[in-house]
PDB file of N, CA and C in Angstrom:
ATOM      1  N   MET A   1       0.881  -1.113   0.045  1.00  0.00           N
ATOM      2  CA  MET A   1      -0.101  -0.092  -0.165  1.00  0.00           C
ATOM      3  C   MET A   1       0.878   1.255   0.099  1.00  0.00           C
ATOM      4  N   THR A   2       1.947   1.322   0.733  1.00  0.00           N
ATOM      5  CA  THR A   2       2.737   2.426   0.849  1.00  0.00           C
ATOM      6  C   THR A   2       3.581   2.723  -0.325  1.00  0.00           C
ATOM      7  N   SER A   3       3.871   1.641  -1.062  1.00  0.00           N
ATOM      8  CA  SER A   3       4.587   1.776  -2.425  1.00  0.00           C
ATOM      9  C   SER A   3       3.642   2.316  -3.422  1.00  0.00           C
ATOM     10  N   THR A   4       2.296   1.878  -3.417  1.00  0.00           N
ATOM     11  CA  THR A   4       1.486   2.464  -4.384  1.00  0.00           C
ATOM     12  C   THR A   4       1.321   4.044  -4.095  1.00  0.00           C
ATOM     13  N   LEU A   5       1.169   4.307  -2.670  1.00  0.00           N
ATOM     14  CA  LEU A   5       1.064   5.681  -2.418  1.00  0.00           C
ATOM     15  C   LEU A   5       2.336   6.598  -2.738  1.00  0.00           C
ATOM     16  N   LEU A   6       3.501   5.930  -2.716  1.00  0.00           N
ATOM     17  CA  LEU A   6       4.664   6.624  -3.111  1.00  0.00           C
ATOM     18  C   LEU A   6       4.769   6.887  -4.574  1.00  0.00           C
ATOM     19  N   VAL A   7       4.216   5.991  -5.415  1.00  0.00           N
ATOM     20  CA  VAL A   7       4.100   6.106  -6.939  1.00  0.00           C
ATOM     21  C   VAL A   7       3.181   7.411  -7.048  1.00  0.00           C
ATOM     22  N   VAL A   8       2.088   7.443  -6.465  1.00  0.00           N
ATOM     23  CA  VAL A   8       1.042   8.459  -6.528  1.00  0.00           C
ATOM     24  C   VAL A   8       1.820   9.834  -6.149  1.00  0.00           C
ATOM     25  N   GLN A   9       2.563   9.833  -5.121  1.00  0.00           N
ATOM     26  CA  GLN A   9       3.347  10.869  -4.571  1.00  0.00           C
ATOM     27  C   GLN A   9       4.259  11.578  -5.672  1.00  0.00           C
ATOM     28  N   ILE A  10       4.836  10.534  -6.371  1.00  0.00           N
ATOM     29  CA  ILE A  10       5.898  11.059  -7.346  1.00  0.00           C
ATOM     30  C   ILE A  10       5.073  11.681  -8.488  1.00  0.00           C
ATOM     31  N   ALA A  11       3.946  11.152  -8.839  1.00  0.00           N
ATOM     32  CA  ALA A  11       3.087  11.476  -9.958  1.00  0.00           C
ATOM     33  C   ALA A  11       2.618  12.792  -9.716  1.00  0.00           C
ATOM     34  N   LEU A  12       2.084  12.999  -8.380  1.00  0.00           N
ATOM     35  CA  LEU A  12       1.537  14.281  -7.996  1.00  0.00           C
ATOM     36  C   LEU A  12       2.641  15.433  -8.077  1.00  0.00           C
ATOM     37  N   THR A  13       3.875  15.094  -7.576  1.00  0.00           N
ATOM     38  CA  THR A  13       4.964  15.861  -7.653  1.00  0.00           C
ATOM     39  C   THR A  13       5.147  16.558  -9.005  1.00  0.00           C
ATOM     40  N   ILE A  14       5.346  15.680  -9.929  1.00  0.00           N
ATOM     41  CA  ILE A  14       5.475  15.913 -11.326  1.00  0.00           C
ATOM     42  C   ILE A  14       4.384  16.795 -11.869  1.00  0.00           C
ATOM     43  N   ALA A  15       3.230  16.427 -11.446  1.00  0.00           N
ATOM     44  CA  ALA A  15       2.002  17.135 -12.070  1.00  0.00           C
ATOM     45  C   ALA A  15       2.111  18.623 -11.501  1.00  0.00           C
ATOM     46  N   ILE A  16       2.216  18.825 -10.154  1.00  0.00           N
ATOM     47  CA  ILE A  16       2.430  20.058  -9.544  1.00  0.00           C
ATOM     48  C   ILE A  16       3.462  20.948 -10.222  1.00  0.00           C
ATOM     49  N   VAL A  17       4.667  20.293 -10.637  1.00  0.00           N
ATOM     50  CA  VAL A  17       5.759  21.172 -11.145  1.00  0.00           C
ATOM     51  C   VAL A  17       5.366  21.634 -12.474  1.00  0.00           C
ATOM     52  N   ILE A  18       4.715  20.883 -13.366  1.00  0.00           N
ATOM     53  CA  ILE A  18       4.218  21.155 -14.485  1.00  0.00           C
ATOM     54  C   ILE A  18       3.160  22.223 -14.447  1.00  0.00           C
ATOM     55  N   ALA A  19       2.290  22.112 -13.590  1.00  0.00           N
ATOM     56  CA  ALA A  19       1.207  23.125 -13.616  1.00  0.00           C
ATOM     57  C   ALA A  19       1.736  24.378 -13.065  1.00  0.00           C
ATOM     58  N   ILE A  20       2.732  24.505 -12.206  1.00  0.00           N
ATOM     59  CA  ILE A  20       3.266  25.740 -11.903  1.00  0.00           C
ATOM     60  C   ILE A  20       3.994  26.358 -12.860  1.00  0.00           C
ATOM     61  N   LEU A  21       4.824  25.573 -13.510  1.00  0.00           N
ATOM     62  CA  LEU A  21       5.580  26.020 -14.742  1.00  0.00           C
ATOM     63  C   LEU A  21       4.693  26.605 -15.936  1.00  0.00           C
ATOM     64  N   LEU A  22       3.616  26.048 -16.061  1.00  0.00           N
ATOM     65  CA  LEU A  22       2.718  26.379 -17.035  1.00  0.00           C
ATOM     66  C   LEU A  22       1.965  27.759 -16.882  1.00  0.00           C
ATOM     67  N   GLN A  23       1.989  28.181 -15.598  1.00  0.00           N
ATOM     68  CA  GLN A  23       1.362  29.383 -15.299  1.00  0.00           C
ATOM     69  C   GLN A  23       2.228  30.650 -15.701  1.00  0.00           C
ATOM     70  N   LYS A  24       1.369  31.633 -16.196  1.00  0.00           N
ATOM     71  CA  LYS A  24       2.111  32.812 -16.530  1.00  0.00           C
ATOM     72  C   LYS A  24       2.810  33.655 -15.437  1.00  0.00           C
ATOM     73  N   SER A  25       4.000  34.114 -15.665  1.00  0.00           N
ATOM     74  CA  SER A  25       4.654  34.776 -14.656  1.00  0.00           C
ATOM     75  C   SER A  25       5.394  35.875 -15.217  1.00  0.00           C
ATOM     76  N   SER A  26       6.373  36.344 -14.601  1.00  0.00           N
ATOM     77  CA  SER A  26       7.230  37.383 -15.125  1.00  0.00           C
ATOM     78  C   SER A  26       8.141  36.890 -16.251  1.00  0.00           C
ATOM     79  N   SER A  27       8.574  35.684 -16.053  1.00  0.00           N
ATOM     80  CA  SER A  27       9.265  35.044 -17.033  1.00  0.00           C
ATOM     81  C   SER A  27       8.287  33.990 -17.618  1.00  0.00           C
ATOM     82  N   ILE A  28       8.416  33.597 -18.808  1.00  0.00           N
ATOM     83  CA  ILE A  28       7.437  32.803 -19.548  1.00  0.00           C
ATOM     84  C   ILE A  28       7.469  31.443 -19.058  1.00  0.00           C
ATOM     85  N   GLY A  29       8.449  30.887 -18.587  1.00  0.00           N
ATOM     86  CA  GLY A  29       8.440  29.362 -18.164  1.00  0.00           C
ATOM     87  C   GLY A  29       8.098  28.464 -19.326  1.00  0.00           C
ATOM     88  N   LEU A  30       7.370  27.422 -18.970  1.00  0.00           N
ATOM     89  CA  LEU A  30       6.881  26.488 -19.931  1.00  0.00           C
ATOM     90  C   LEU A  30       5.623  26.932 -20.557  1.00  0.00           C
ATOM     91  N   GLY A  31       4.956  28.103 -20.266  1.00  0.00           N
ATOM     92  CA  GLY A  31       3.823  28.636 -20.795  1.00  0.00           C
ATOM     93  C   GLY A  31       3.929  29.021 -22.342  1.00  0.00           C
ATOM     94  N   ALA A  32       5.179  29.140 -22.662  1.00  0.00           N
ATOM     95  CA  ALA A  32       5.510  29.380 -24.084  1.00  0.00           C
ATOM     96  C   ALA A  32       5.063  28.377 -25.072  1.00  0.00           C
ATOM     97  N   TYR A  33       4.893  27.145 -24.572  1.00  0.00           N
ATOM     98  CA  TYR A  33       4.681  25.996 -25.343  1.00  0.00           C
ATOM     99  C   TYR A  33       3.294  25.598 -25.232  1.00  0.00           C
ATOM    100  N   SER A  34       2.428  26.326 -24.574  1.00  0.00           N
ATOM    101  CA  SER A  34       1.039  26.007 -24.615  1.00  0.00           C
ATOM    102  C   SER A  34       0.197  26.406 -25.817  1.00  0.00           C
ATOM    103  N   GLY A  35       0.710  27.097 -26.565  1.00  0.00           N
ATOM    104  CA  GLY A  35       0.004  27.602 -27.783  1.00  0.00           C
ATOM    105  C   GLY A  35      -0.723  29.032 -27.577  1.00  0.00           C
ATOM    106  N   SER A  36      -1.074  29.560 -28.704  1.00  0.00           N
ATOM    107  CA  SER A  36      -1.701  30.936 -28.804  1.00  0.00           C
ATOM    108  C   SER A  36      -3.215  30.918 -28.559  1.00  0.00           C
ATOM    109  N   ASN A  37      -3.790  29.770 -29.032  1.00  0.00           N
ATOM    110  CA  ASN A  37      -5.249  29.760 -28.945  1.00  0.00           C
ATOM    111  C   ASN A  37      -5.678  29.222 -27.539  1.00  0.00           C
ATOM    112  N   GLU A  38      -6.149  30.069 -26.670  1.00  0.00           N
ATOM    113  CA  GLU A  38      -6.566  29.721 -25.271  1.00  0.00           C
ATOM    114  C   GLU A  38      -8.058  29.739 -25.030  1.00  0.00           C
ATOM    115  N   SER A  39      -8.750  29.753 -26.013  1.00  0.00           N
ATOM    116  CA  SER A  39     -10.129  29.674 -25.905  1.00  0.00           C
ATOM    117  C   SER A  39     -10.861  28.507 -25.237  1.00  0.00           C
ATOM    118  N   MET A  40     -10.121  27.346 -25.141  1.00  0.00           N
ATOM    119  CA  MET A  40     -10.590  26.226 -24.637  1.00  0.00           C
ATOM    120  C   MET A  40     -10.800  26.423 -23.094  1.00  0.00           C
ATOM    121  N   PHE A  41      -9.872  27.287 -22.430  1.00  0.00           N
ATOM    122  CA  PHE A  41      -9.967  27.489 -21.011  1.00  0.00           C
ATOM    123  C   PHE A  41     -11.071  28.593 -20.678  1.00  0.00           C
ATOM    124  N   GLY A  42     -11.538  29.399 -21.608  1.00  0.00           N
ATOM    125  CA  GLY A  42     -12.577  30.404 -21.247  1.00  0.00           C
ATOM    126  C   GLY A  42     -11.891  31.784 -21.678  1.00  0.00           C
ATOM    127  N   ALA A  43     -12.738  32.798 -21.331  1.00  0.00           N
ATOM    128  CA  ALA A  43     -12.299  34.091 -21.708  1.00  0.00           C
ATOM    129  C   ALA A  43     -11.030  34.602 -21.042  1.00  0.00           C
ATOM    130  N   LYS A  44     -10.805  34.271 -19.772  1.00  0.00           N
ATOM    131  CA  LYS A  44      -9.644  34.633 -19.044  1.00  0.00           C
ATOM    132  C   LYS A  44      -8.403  33.976 -19.374  1.00  0.00           C
ATOM    133  N   GLY A  45      -8.533  33.014 -20.186  1.00  0.00           N
ATOM    134  CA  GLY A  45      -7.392  32.019 -20.582  1.00  0.00           C
ATOM    135  C   GLY A  45      -7.014  31.013 -19.422  1.00  0.00           C
ATOM    136  N   PRO A  46      -5.940  30.411 -19.611  1.00  0.00           N
ATOM    137  CA  PRO A  46      -5.657  29.330 -18.619  1.00  0.00           C
ATOM    138  C   PRO A  46      -5.418  29.663 -17.232  1.00  0.00           C
ATOM    139  N   ALA A  47      -5.306  30.920 -16.932  1.00  0.00           N
ATOM    140  CA  ALA A  47      -4.882  31.394 -15.453  1.00  0.00           C
ATOM    141  C   ALA A  47      -5.821  30.697 -14.527  1.00  0.00           C
ATOM    142  N   GLY A  48      -7.047  31.006 -14.633  1.00  0.00           N
ATOM    143  CA  GLY A  48      -7.853  30.269 -13.542  1.00  0.00           C
ATOM    144  C   GLY A  48      -7.941  28.887 -13.521  1.00  0.00           C
ATOM    145  N   PHE A  49      -7.965  28.242 -14.569  1.00  0.00           N
ATOM    146  CA  PHE A  49      -7.927  26.873 -14.641  1.00  0.00           C
ATOM    147  C   PHE A  49      -6.695  26.262 -14.023  1.00  0.00           C
ATOM    148  N   LEU A  50      -5.552  26.820 -14.403  1.00  0.00           N
ATOM    149  CA  LEU A  50      -4.363  26.323 -13.916  1.00  0.00           C
ATOM    150  C   LEU A  50      -4.004  26.581 -12.418  1.00  0.00           C
ATOM    151  N   SER A  51      -4.685  27.763 -11.995  1.00  0.00           N
ATOM    152  CA  SER A  51      -4.499  27.896 -10.480  1.00  0.00           C
ATOM    153  C   SER A  51      -5.372  27.108  -9.735  1.00  0.00           C
ATOM    154  N   LYS A  52      -6.594  26.736 -10.086  1.00  0.00           N
ATOM    155  CA  LYS A  52      -7.558  25.813  -9.635  1.00  0.00           C
ATOM    156  C   LYS A  52      -6.855  24.471  -9.462  1.00  0.00           C
ATOM    157  N   ALA A  53      -6.181  23.905 -10.797  1.00  0.00           N
ATOM    158  CA  ALA A  53      -5.653  22.613 -10.901  1.00  0.00           C
ATOM    159  C   ALA A  53      -4.538  22.517  -9.863  1.00  0.00           C
ATOM    160  N   THR A  54      -3.714  23.773  -9.787  1.00  0.00           N
ATOM    161  CA  THR A  54      -2.421  23.620  -8.824  1.00  0.00           C
ATOM    162  C   THR A  54      -2.964  23.478  -7.508  1.00  0.00           C
ATOM    163  N   PHE A  55      -3.941  24.090  -6.983  1.00  0.00           N
ATOM    164  CA  PHE A  55      -4.546  24.144  -5.736  1.00  0.00           C
ATOM    165  C   PHE A  55      -5.012  22.738  -5.404  1.00  0.00           C
ATOM    166  N   THR A  56      -5.712  22.127  -6.419  1.00  0.00           N
ATOM    167  CA  THR A  56      -6.253  20.743  -6.168  1.00  0.00           C
ATOM    168  C   THR A  56      -5.156  19.792  -6.008  1.00  0.00           C
ATOM    169  N   LEU A  57      -4.067  20.004  -6.837  1.00  0.00           N
ATOM    170  CA  LEU A  57      -2.967  19.039  -6.776  1.00  0.00           C
ATOM    171  C   LEU A  57      -2.181  19.203  -5.456  1.00  0.00           C
ATOM    172  N   ALA A  58      -2.135  20.387  -5.081  1.00  0.00           N
ATOM    173  CA  ALA A  58      -1.575  20.565  -3.791  1.00  0.00           C
ATOM    174  C   ALA A  58      -2.219  20.077  -2.568  1.00  0.00           C
ATOM    175  N   ILE A  59      -3.646  20.075  -2.560  1.00  0.00           N
ATOM    176  CA  ILE A  59      -4.431  19.427  -1.538  1.00  0.00           C
ATOM    177  C   ILE A  59      -4.134  17.936  -1.599  1.00  0.00           C
ATOM    178  N   LEU A  60      -4.251  17.342  -2.809  1.00  0.00           N
ATOM    179  CA  LEU A  60      -4.073  15.983  -2.874  1.00  0.00           C
ATOM    180  C   LEU A  60      -2.587  15.498  -2.573  1.00  0.00           C
ATOM    181  N   PHE A  61      -1.663  16.282  -2.756  1.00  0.00           N
ATOM    182  CA  PHE A  61      -0.270  16.142  -2.424  1.00  0.00           C
ATOM    183  C   PHE A  61      -0.144  15.999  -0.919  1.00  0.00           C
ATOM    184  N   VAL A  62      -0.758  17.006  -0.143  1.00  0.00           N
ATOM    185  CA  VAL A  62      -0.709  17.098   1.423  1.00  0.00           C
ATOM    186  C   VAL A  62      -1.409  15.839   1.866  1.00  0.00           C
ATOM    187  N   LEU A  63      -2.649  15.473   1.399  1.00  0.00           N
ATOM    188  CA  LEU A  63      -3.354  14.395   2.040  1.00  0.00           C
ATOM    189  C   LEU A  63      -2.579  13.156   1.743  1.00  0.00           C
ATOM    190  N   ASN A  64      -2.050  13.013   0.517  1.00  0.00           N
ATOM    191  CA  ASN A  64      -1.354  11.841   0.380  1.00  0.00           C
ATOM    192  C   ASN A  64      -0.216  11.693   1.352  1.00  0.00           C
ATOM    193  N   THR A  65       0.563  12.734   1.478  1.00  0.00           N
ATOM    194  CA  THR A  65       1.673  12.732   2.478  1.00  0.00           C
ATOM    195  C   THR A  65       1.282  12.374   3.808  1.00  0.00           C
ATOM    196  N   LEU A  66       0.095  12.948   4.196  1.00  0.00           N
ATOM    197  CA  LEU A  66      -0.428  12.586   5.636  1.00  0.00           C
ATOM    198  C   LEU A  66      -0.830  11.065   5.662  1.00  0.00           C
ATOM    199  N   VAL A  67      -1.338  10.508   4.710  1.00  0.00           N
ATOM    200  CA  VAL A  67      -1.872   9.144   4.759  1.00  0.00           C
ATOM    201  C   VAL A  67      -0.495   8.316   4.759  1.00  0.00           C
ATOM    202  N   MET A  68       0.569   8.697   3.978  1.00  0.00           N
ATOM    203  CA  MET A  68       1.711   8.005   3.868  1.00  0.00           C
ATOM    204  C   MET A  68       2.401   7.907   5.305  1.00  0.00           C
ATOM    205  N   GLY A  69       2.502   9.034   5.907  1.00  0.00           N
ATOM    206  CA  GLY A  69       3.115   9.216   7.072  1.00  0.00           C
ATOM    207  C   GLY A  69       2.327   8.311   8.243  1.00  0.00           C
ATOM    208  N   TYR A  70       0.936   8.295   8.186  1.00  0.00           N
ATOM    209  CA  TYR A  70       0.029   7.334   9.018  1.00  0.00           C
ATOM    210  C   TYR A  70       0.533   6.054   8.918  1.00  0.00           C
ATOM    211  N   LEU A  71       0.368   5.610   7.763  1.00  0.00           N
ATOM    212  CA  LEU A  71       0.479   4.195   7.318  1.00  0.00           C
ATOM    213  C   LEU A  71       1.976   3.714   7.681  1.00  0.00           C
ATOM    214  N   TYR A  72       3.026   4.446   7.449  1.00  0.00           N
ATOM    215  CA  TYR A  72       4.257   4.204   7.658  1.00  0.00           C
ATOM    216  C   TYR A  72       4.496   4.048   9.207  1.00  0.00           C
ATOM    217  N   ASN A  73       4.090   4.866   9.972  1.00  0.00           N
ATOM    218  CA  ASN A  73       4.222   4.824  11.444  1.00  0.00           C
ATOM    219  C   ASN A  73       3.379   3.657  12.084  1.00  0.00           C
ATOM    220  N   LYS A  74       2.291   3.295  11.336  1.00  0.00           N
ATOM    221  CA  LYS A  74       1.546   2.240  11.865  1.00  0.00           C
ATOM    222  C   LYS A  74       2.132   0.923  11.647  1.00  0.00           C
ATOM    223  N   GLU A  75       3.010   0.762  10.521  1.00  0.00           N
ATOM    224  CA  GLU A  75       3.692  -0.458  10.134  1.00  0.00           C
ATOM    225  C   GLU A  75       4.879  -0.552  11.063  1.00  0.00           C
ATOM    226  N   LYS A  76       5.515   0.473  11.309  1.00  0.00           N
ATOM    227  CA  LYS A  76       6.853   0.307  12.159  1.00  0.00           C
ATOM    228  C   LYS A  76       6.564   0.443  13.596  1.00  0.00           C
ATOM    229  N   THR A  77       6.773  -0.579  14.379  1.00  0.00           N
ATOM    230  CA  THR A  77       6.507  -0.576  15.660  1.00  0.00           C
ATOM    231  C   THR A  77       7.862  -0.191  16.690  1.00  0.00           C
ATOM    232  N   HIS A  78       8.867  -0.267  15.913  1.00  0.00           N
ATOM    233  CA  HIS A  78      10.144   0.203  16.767  1.00  0.00           C
ATOM    234  C   HIS A  78      10.925   1.129  16.037  1.00  0.00           C
ATOM    235  N   SER A  79      11.977   1.721  16.712  1.00  0.00           N
ATOM    236  CA  SER A  79      12.733   2.748  16.128  1.00  0.00           C
ATOM    237  C   SER A  79      13.956   2.088  15.731  1.00  0.00           C
ATOM    238  N   VAL A  80      14.888   2.910  15.116  1.00  0.00           N
ATOM    239  CA  VAL A  80      16.304   2.453  14.851  1.00  0.00           C
ATOM    240  C   VAL A  80      16.938   2.277  16.112  1.00  0.00           C
ATOM    241  N   ALA A  81      16.784   3.222  17.110  1.00  0.00           N
ATOM    242  CA  ALA A  81      17.485   3.053  18.370  1.00  0.00           C
ATOM    243  C   ALA A  81      17.149   1.799  19.003  1.00  0.00           C
ATOM    244  N   ASP A  82      15.968   1.113  18.908  1.00  0.00           N
ATOM    245  CA  ASP A  82      15.638  -0.029  19.526  1.00  0.00           C
ATOM    246  C   ASP A  82      16.450  -1.268  19.024  1.00  0.00           C
ATOM    247  N   THR A  83      17.066  -1.092  17.902  1.00  0.00           N
ATOM    248  CA  THR A  83      17.787  -2.253  17.230  1.00  0.00           C
ATOM    249  C   THR A  83      19.275  -2.255  17.696  1.00  0.00           C
ATOM    250  N   ILE A  84      19.710  -0.990  18.322  1.00  0.00           N
ATOM    251  CA  ILE A  84      21.119  -1.246  18.899  1.00  0.00           C
ATOM    252  C   ILE A  84      21.327  -2.181  19.791  1.00  0.00           C
ATOM    253  N   ASN A  85      22.363  -3.065  19.554  1.00  0.00           N
ATOM    254  CA  ASN A  85      22.754  -4.104  20.620  1.00  0.00           C
ATOM    255  C   ASN A  85      23.660  -3.315  21.643  1.00  0.00           C
ATOM    256  N   THR A  86      23.169  -3.481  22.877  1.00  0.00           N
ATOM    257  CA  THR A  86      23.799  -2.941  23.971  1.00  0.00           C
ATOM    258  C   THR A  86      25.198  -3.814  24.370  1.00  0.00           C
ATOM    259  N   SER A  87      25.173  -5.072  23.890  1.00  0.00           N
ATOM    260  CA  SER A  87      26.143  -5.889  24.364  1.00  0.00           C
ATOM    261  C   SER A  87      27.346  -5.626  23.453  1.00  0.00           C
ATOM    262  N   THR A  88      27.372  -5.028  22.546  1.00  0.00           N
ATOM    263  CA  THR A  88      28.573  -4.761  21.722  1.00  0.00           C
ATOM    264  C   THR A  88      29.619  -3.760  22.375  1.00  0.00           C
ATOM    265  N   SER A  89      30.856  -4.122  22.291  1.00  0.00           N
ATOM    266  CA  SER A  89      31.793  -3.301  22.965  1.00  0.00           C
ATOM    267  C   SER A  89      32.018  -1.919  22.342  1.00  0.00           C
ATOM    268  N   VAL A  90      31.866  -0.848  22.976  1.00  0.00           N
ATOM    269  CA  VAL A  90      32.184   0.339  22.183  1.00  0.00           C
ATOM    270  C   VAL A  90      33.499   0.674  22.813  1.00  0.00           C
ATOM    271  N   PRO A  91      34.471   1.230  21.999  1.00  0.00           N
ATOM    272  CA  PRO A  91      35.811   1.774  22.430  1.00  0.00           C
ATOM    273  C   PRO A  91      35.718   3.005  23.286  1.00  0.00           C
ATOM    274  N   THR A  92      36.286   2.931  24.473  1.00  0.00           N
ATOM    275  CA  THR A  92      36.266   4.151  25.328  1.00  0.00           C
ATOM    276  C   THR A  92      37.558   4.805  25.389  1.00  0.00           C
ATOM    277  N   ALA A  93      37.531   6.080  25.655  1.00  0.00           N
ATOM    278  CA  ALA A  93      38.649   6.882  25.652  1.00  0.00           C
ATOM    279  C   ALA A  93      39.620   6.494  26.840  1.00  0.00           C
ATOM    280  N   THR A  94      40.936   6.445  26.719  1.00  0.00           N
ATOM    281  CA  THR A  94      41.708   6.247  27.716  1.00  0.00           C
ATOM    282  C   THR A  94      42.401   7.383  28.066  1.00  0.00           C
ATOM    283  N   VAL A  95      42.719   7.466  29.433  1.00  0.00           N
ATOM    284  CA  VAL A  95      43.178   8.842  29.960  1.00  0.00           C
ATOM    285  C   VAL A  95      44.668   8.411  30.170  1.00  0.00           C
ATOM    286  N   VAL A  96      45.575   9.232  29.571  1.00  0.00           N
ATOM    287  CA  VAL A  96      46.944   9.120  29.755  1.00  0.00           C
ATOM    288  C   VAL A  96      47.503  10.318  30.785  1.00  0.00           C
ATOM    289  N   GLU A  97      48.153   9.607  31.816  1.00  0.00           N
ATOM    290  CA  GLU A  97      48.565  10.686  32.675  1.00  0.00           C
ATOM    291  C   GLU A  97      50.103  11.101  32.431  1.00  0.00           C
ATOM    292  N   SER A  98      50.340  12.431  32.689  1.00  0.00           N
ATOM    293  CA  SER A  98      51.604  12.956  32.322  1.00  0.00           C
ATOM    294  C   SER A  98      52.348  13.091  33.439  1.00  0.00           C
ATOM    295  N   ASN A  99      53.768  12.622  33.530  1.00  0.00           N
ATOM    296  CA  ASN A  99      54.459  12.725  34.864  1.00  0.00           C
ATOM    297  C   ASN A  99      55.622  13.748  34.493  1.00  0.00           C
ATOM    298  N   THR A 100      55.112  14.805  33.939  1.00  0.00           N
ATOM    299  CA  THR A 100      56.057  15.939  33.826  1.00  0.00           C
ATOM    300  C   THR A 100      55.874  16.874  35.173  1.00  0.00           C
ATOM    301  N   SER A 101      57.099  17.077  35.679  1.00  0.00           N
ATOM    302  CA  SER A 101      57.048  17.966  36.821  1.00  0.00           C
ATOM    303  C   SER A 101      57.907  19.193  36.570  1.00  0.00           C
ATOM    304  N   THR A 102      57.555  20.159  37.192  1.00  0.00           N
ATOM    305  CA  THR A 102      58.397  21.506  37.092  1.00  0.00           C
ATOM    306  C   THR A 102      59.520  21.470  38.037  1.00  0.00           C
ATOM    307  N   LYS A 103      60.642  21.949  37.627  1.00  0.00           N
ATOM    308  CA  LYS A 103      61.800  21.983  38.562  1.00  0.00           C
ATOM    309  C   LYS A 103      62.113  23.299  38.845  1.00  0.00           C
TER     310      LYS A 103
END
C-alpha cells in the first residue's frame, strides 16, 4: 500500500511542477509551449484553470503525504534506536597521565 502511495506521490509532484511552470509569470517558463489559442479555457485564458488545478493537486499532495506518514508509522513498531545491541563493545577513551614535573 505504501509503495502505491509513493508512486502516486511522485506523479503528484511531477504534475504540480508542470502546473506551476505552465502558469504565466514575469518569465514565460513552460507557458510558451501552450499555444496561442486559449479559448478552450474560457475568456480569461488558462490562468483560472491552472490555479485551480495547482490548488487541487497541492491538496491531494498534502493528503497523500499525511496518509503515507500515518501508514508508515503504523507499520513500524520500533525505532532504529531499539535495534542497537547494547552488548557490543564500544571503545572508550583512555586517559594518559603525564608525569612531567616542573623543577
